[in-house]
Amino acid sequence: TKNPTNDGGVKYSITEGMTDAERYAELKDKNIEVAKVQENAILDSYDIEGKSLNDIFKFIRENKESLGLNKVYQKDEIQLEFGYSNRGIKKSIRQTADSKVDEREYLDILSCLDQIIDTSVLIERHGDKSGEQNTQLKQVYVLLGAFQKNGVTTPVQLEIKESVGTDNQLYLAVAIKKSGVNATASAE
């Protein structure tokens, strides 16, 4: 459902339990602005070749503050503030390796994470799907963003966990399959 906002824009309503067809109807006219990978002396100087996942995690954890990851993010579309914990970073690194995506792309995500979060689009929301009956988990928001480097656009999946009684967390930020096409950044 499209709901008008006070400023004349349109707010998209992705609700829990929507079918793929309902989400498609909601999102088919939505554009994602593609973030550009930013130069970052810390990330650019890190030689990732031959590093273990634990080495990569340790490097990011040690440089978390200087990389600008020690902050509270806000996503107006879901009206939620959240952080990016060490646990979320570790999960993202492992998921990147499991999906056979080059770990360097994860560092590219970090270089423009603020812009990816700002321009991402809510594509799904759901409760606990893990089967663990997590009583602290209120909702999971799945967003889709993208970044571009050397003319190649790479989609990024973000998962934000809204919790009861604890801080909300960006739990997963991972590059998904490359599109291999040259995309143009578009604005709403």
Protein backbone atom coordinates (compact mmCIF):
# COMPACT_ATOMS: atom_id res chain seq x y z
CA THR A 1 0.00 0.00 0.00
CA LYS A 2 1.29 3.42 -0.88
CA ASN A 3 0.64 5.97 1.82
CA PRO A 4 1.11 9.68 1.12
CA THR A 5 3.49 11.46 3.46
CA ASN A 6 3.18 15.00 4.79
CA ASP A 7 5.79 16.27 2.35
CA GLY A 8 3.88 14.99 -0.70
CA GLY A 9 6.11 11.93 -1.15
CA VAL A 10 5.01 8.33 -0.98
CA LYS A 11 5.82 5.90 1.81
CA TYR A 12 5.80 2.23 0.88
CA SER A 13 4.17 -0.14 3.33
CA ILE A 14 5.95 -3.46 3.55
CA THR A 15 4.25 -5.46 6.25
CA GLU A 16 4.96 -8.77 7.90
CA GLY A 17 3.43 -11.74 6.12
CA MET A 18 3.24 -10.19 2.65
CA THR A 19 3.49 -12.62 -0.25
CA ASP A 20 6.12 -12.20 -2.94
CA ALA A 21 3.40 -10.96 -5.31
CA GLU A 22 2.24 -8.34 -2.80
CA ARG A 23 5.82 -7.17 -2.23
CA TYR A 24 6.40 -7.03 -5.99
CA ALA A 25 3.34 -4.83 -6.47
CA GLU A 26 4.59 -2.57 -3.68
CA LEU A 27 8.18 -2.30 -4.89
CA LYS A 28 7.99 -2.50 -8.69
CA ASP A 29 8.26 1.27 -9.19
CA LYS A 30 10.85 1.85 -6.46
CA ASN A 31 14.41 2.93 -7.36
CA ILE A 32 17.58 2.30 -5.41
CA GLU A 33 20.27 4.93 -5.53
CA VAL A 34 23.61 3.22 -6.04
CA ALA A 35 26.33 4.17 -3.56
CA LYS A 36 29.83 4.83 -4.84
CA VAL A 37 32.75 3.09 -3.13
CA GLN A 38 34.67 5.73 -1.20
CA GLU A 39 38.42 5.97 -0.85
CA ASN A 40 39.41 5.02 2.65
CA ALA A 41 43.09 4.97 3.63
CA ILE A 42 42.55 2.37 6.35
CA LEU A 43 40.55 -0.05 4.20
CA ASP A 44 42.56 0.58 1.03
CA SER A 45 45.85 -0.16 2.77
CA TYR A 46 44.68 -3.49 4.24
CA ASP A 47 46.12 -6.44 2.32
CA ILE A 48 43.29 -8.95 2.51
CA GLU A 49 45.07 -11.55 0.39
CA GLY A 50 45.56 -14.79 2.33
CA LYS A 51 43.90 -13.45 5.48
CA SER A 52 41.58 -15.68 7.49
CA LEU A 53 38.07 -14.57 8.38
CA ASN A 54 39.26 -14.06 11.98
CA ASP A 55 42.12 -11.84 10.75
CA ILE A 56 39.66 -9.70 8.76
CA PHE A 57 37.30 -9.46 11.73
CA LYS A 58 40.16 -8.52 14.08
CA PHE A 59 41.31 -5.78 11.67
CA ILE A 60 37.80 -4.29 11.44
CA ARG A 61 37.19 -4.57 15.19
CA GLU A 62 40.49 -2.80 15.94
CA ASN A 63 39.66 -0.02 13.45
CA LYS A 64 35.92 0.17 14.11
CA GLU A 65 35.98 3.68 15.54
CA SER A 66 38.25 5.18 12.87
CA LEU A 67 36.09 3.50 10.18
CA GLY A 68 33.04 5.29 11.59
CA LEU A 69 31.23 2.09 12.57
CA ASN A 70 30.85 2.97 16.28
CA LYS A 71 27.71 4.99 15.91
CA VAL A 72 23.96 4.85 15.95
CA TYR A 73 22.43 4.57 12.50
CA GLN A 74 18.92 5.64 11.67
CA LYS A 75 16.66 4.49 8.86
CA ASP A 76 13.61 6.72 8.53
CA GLU A 77 11.70 4.22 6.39
CA ILE A 78 11.53 1.79 9.30
CA GLN A 79 11.68 4.47 12.02
CA LEU A 80 14.42 2.68 13.88
CA GLU A 81 17.82 3.47 15.36
CA PHE A 82 20.41 0.68 15.37
CA GLY A 83 24.09 -0.05 15.80
CA TYR A 84 26.54 -2.36 14.03
CA SER A 85 27.95 -4.63 16.69
CA ASN A 86 31.05 -6.81 16.55
CA ARG A 87 28.70 -9.79 16.38
CA GLY A 88 26.99 -8.31 13.31
CA ILE A 89 30.32 -7.59 11.67
CA LYS A 90 31.50 -11.15 12.29
CA LYS A 91 28.23 -12.57 10.90
CA SER A 92 28.58 -10.37 7.81
CA ILE A 93 32.16 -11.51 7.17
CA ARG A 94 31.20 -15.19 7.54
CA GLN A 95 28.18 -14.79 5.28
CA THR A 96 30.33 -13.05 2.67
CA ALA A 97 32.73 -16.00 2.68
CA ASP A 98 29.87 -18.54 2.60
CA SER A 99 28.31 -16.84 -0.43
CA LYS A 100 31.62 -17.09 -2.32
CA VAL A 101 31.81 -13.33 -2.74
CA ASP A 102 35.27 -11.75 -2.57
CA GLU A 103 35.91 -10.51 0.98
CA ARG A 104 37.29 -7.28 -0.55
CA GLU A 105 33.69 -6.44 -1.46
CA TYR A 106 32.82 -6.47 2.22
CA LEU A 107 35.47 -3.80 2.78
CA ASP A 108 33.95 -1.88 -0.16
CA ILE A 109 30.57 -2.03 1.62
CA LEU A 110 32.15 -0.57 4.75
CA SER A 111 33.63 2.32 2.75
CA CYS A 112 30.14 3.53 1.79
CA LEU A 113 27.93 1.87 4.42
CA ASP A 114 26.27 5.15 5.47
CA GLN A 115 25.13 5.84 1.92
CA ILE A 116 24.02 2.23 1.38
CA ILE A 117 21.89 2.41 4.52
CA ASP A 118 20.48 5.84 3.58
CA THR A 119 19.47 4.76 0.07
CA SER A 120 18.44 1.16 0.75
CA VAL A 121 14.83 0.06 0.32
CA LEU A 122 12.82 -2.08 2.71
CA ILE A 123 11.92 -5.28 0.85
CA GLU A 124 10.73 -7.55 3.65
CA ARG A 125 9.92 -7.63 7.33
CA HIS A 126 9.31 -10.70 9.42
CA GLY A 127 9.50 -12.15 12.89
CA ASP A 128 11.89 -14.83 14.08
CA LYS A 129 12.43 -17.43 11.34
CA SER A 130 15.26 -19.23 13.13
CA GLY A 131 12.92 -21.50 15.07
CA GLU A 132 14.79 -20.61 18.27
CA GLN A 133 11.85 -18.78 19.87
CA ASN A 134 13.94 -15.68 20.55
CA THR A 135 11.76 -13.68 22.97
CA GLN A 136 13.95 -10.58 22.58
CA LEU A 137 13.51 -10.40 18.80
CA LYS A 138 10.60 -8.18 17.84
CA GLN A 139 11.10 -7.83 14.08
CA VAL A 140 13.66 -8.34 11.30
CA TYR A 141 13.84 -5.75 8.53
CA VAL A 142 15.46 -6.80 5.24
CA LEU A 143 16.67 -3.96 3.05
CA LEU A 144 18.26 -3.89 -0.38
CA GLY A 145 20.95 -1.41 -1.32
CA ALA A 146 23.78 -1.36 -3.83
CA PHE A 147 27.27 -0.02 -4.42
CA GLN A 148 29.28 0.53 -7.55
CA LYS A 149 32.99 0.08 -8.16
CA ASN A 150 34.76 0.12 -11.51
CA GLY A 151 31.43 0.21 -13.36
CA VAL A 152 30.09 -2.92 -11.67
CA THR A 153 27.02 -2.63 -9.46
CA THR A 154 26.79 -5.03 -6.54
CA PRO A 155 23.55 -5.49 -4.59
CA VAL A 156 23.81 -5.45 -0.79
CA GLN A 157 21.43 -7.14 1.60
CA LEU A 158 21.03 -5.54 5.02
CA GLU A 159 19.22 -7.19 7.91
CA ILE A 160 18.32 -5.14 10.94
CA LYS A 161 17.03 -6.83 14.06
CA GLU A 162 14.62 -4.88 16.24
CA SER A 163 14.82 -6.19 19.79
CA VAL A 164 12.88 -5.90 23.01
CA GLY A 165 14.99 -4.90 25.99
CA THR A 166 18.31 -4.68 24.08
CA ASP A 167 19.80 -2.44 21.40
CA ASN A 168 18.62 -2.84 17.81
CA GLN A 169 21.41 -4.13 15.57
CA LEU A 170 22.45 -4.22 11.95
CA TYR A 171 22.96 -7.96 11.95
CA LEU A 172 24.00 -8.56 8.39
CA ALA A 173 25.49 -6.43 5.62
CA VAL A 174 26.56 -8.63 2.75
CA ALA A 175 27.14 -8.34 -0.98
CA ILE A 176 24.93 -10.63 -2.96
CA LYS A 177 25.39 -11.82 -6.52
CA LYS A 178 26.95 -9.18 -8.80
CA SER A 179 24.71 -7.85 -11.54
CA GLY A 180 27.60 -7.46 -13.96
CA VAL A 181 25.90 -4.52 -15.62
CA ASN A 182 26.73 -0.89 -15.61
CA ALA A 183 24.08 0.90 -13.58
CA THR A 184 23.28 4.55 -13.28
CA ALA A 185 22.57 6.06 -9.94
CA SER A 186 19.02 7.32 -9.80
CA ALA A 187 17.32 9.61 -7.36
CA GLU A 188 13.67 9.61 -6.38
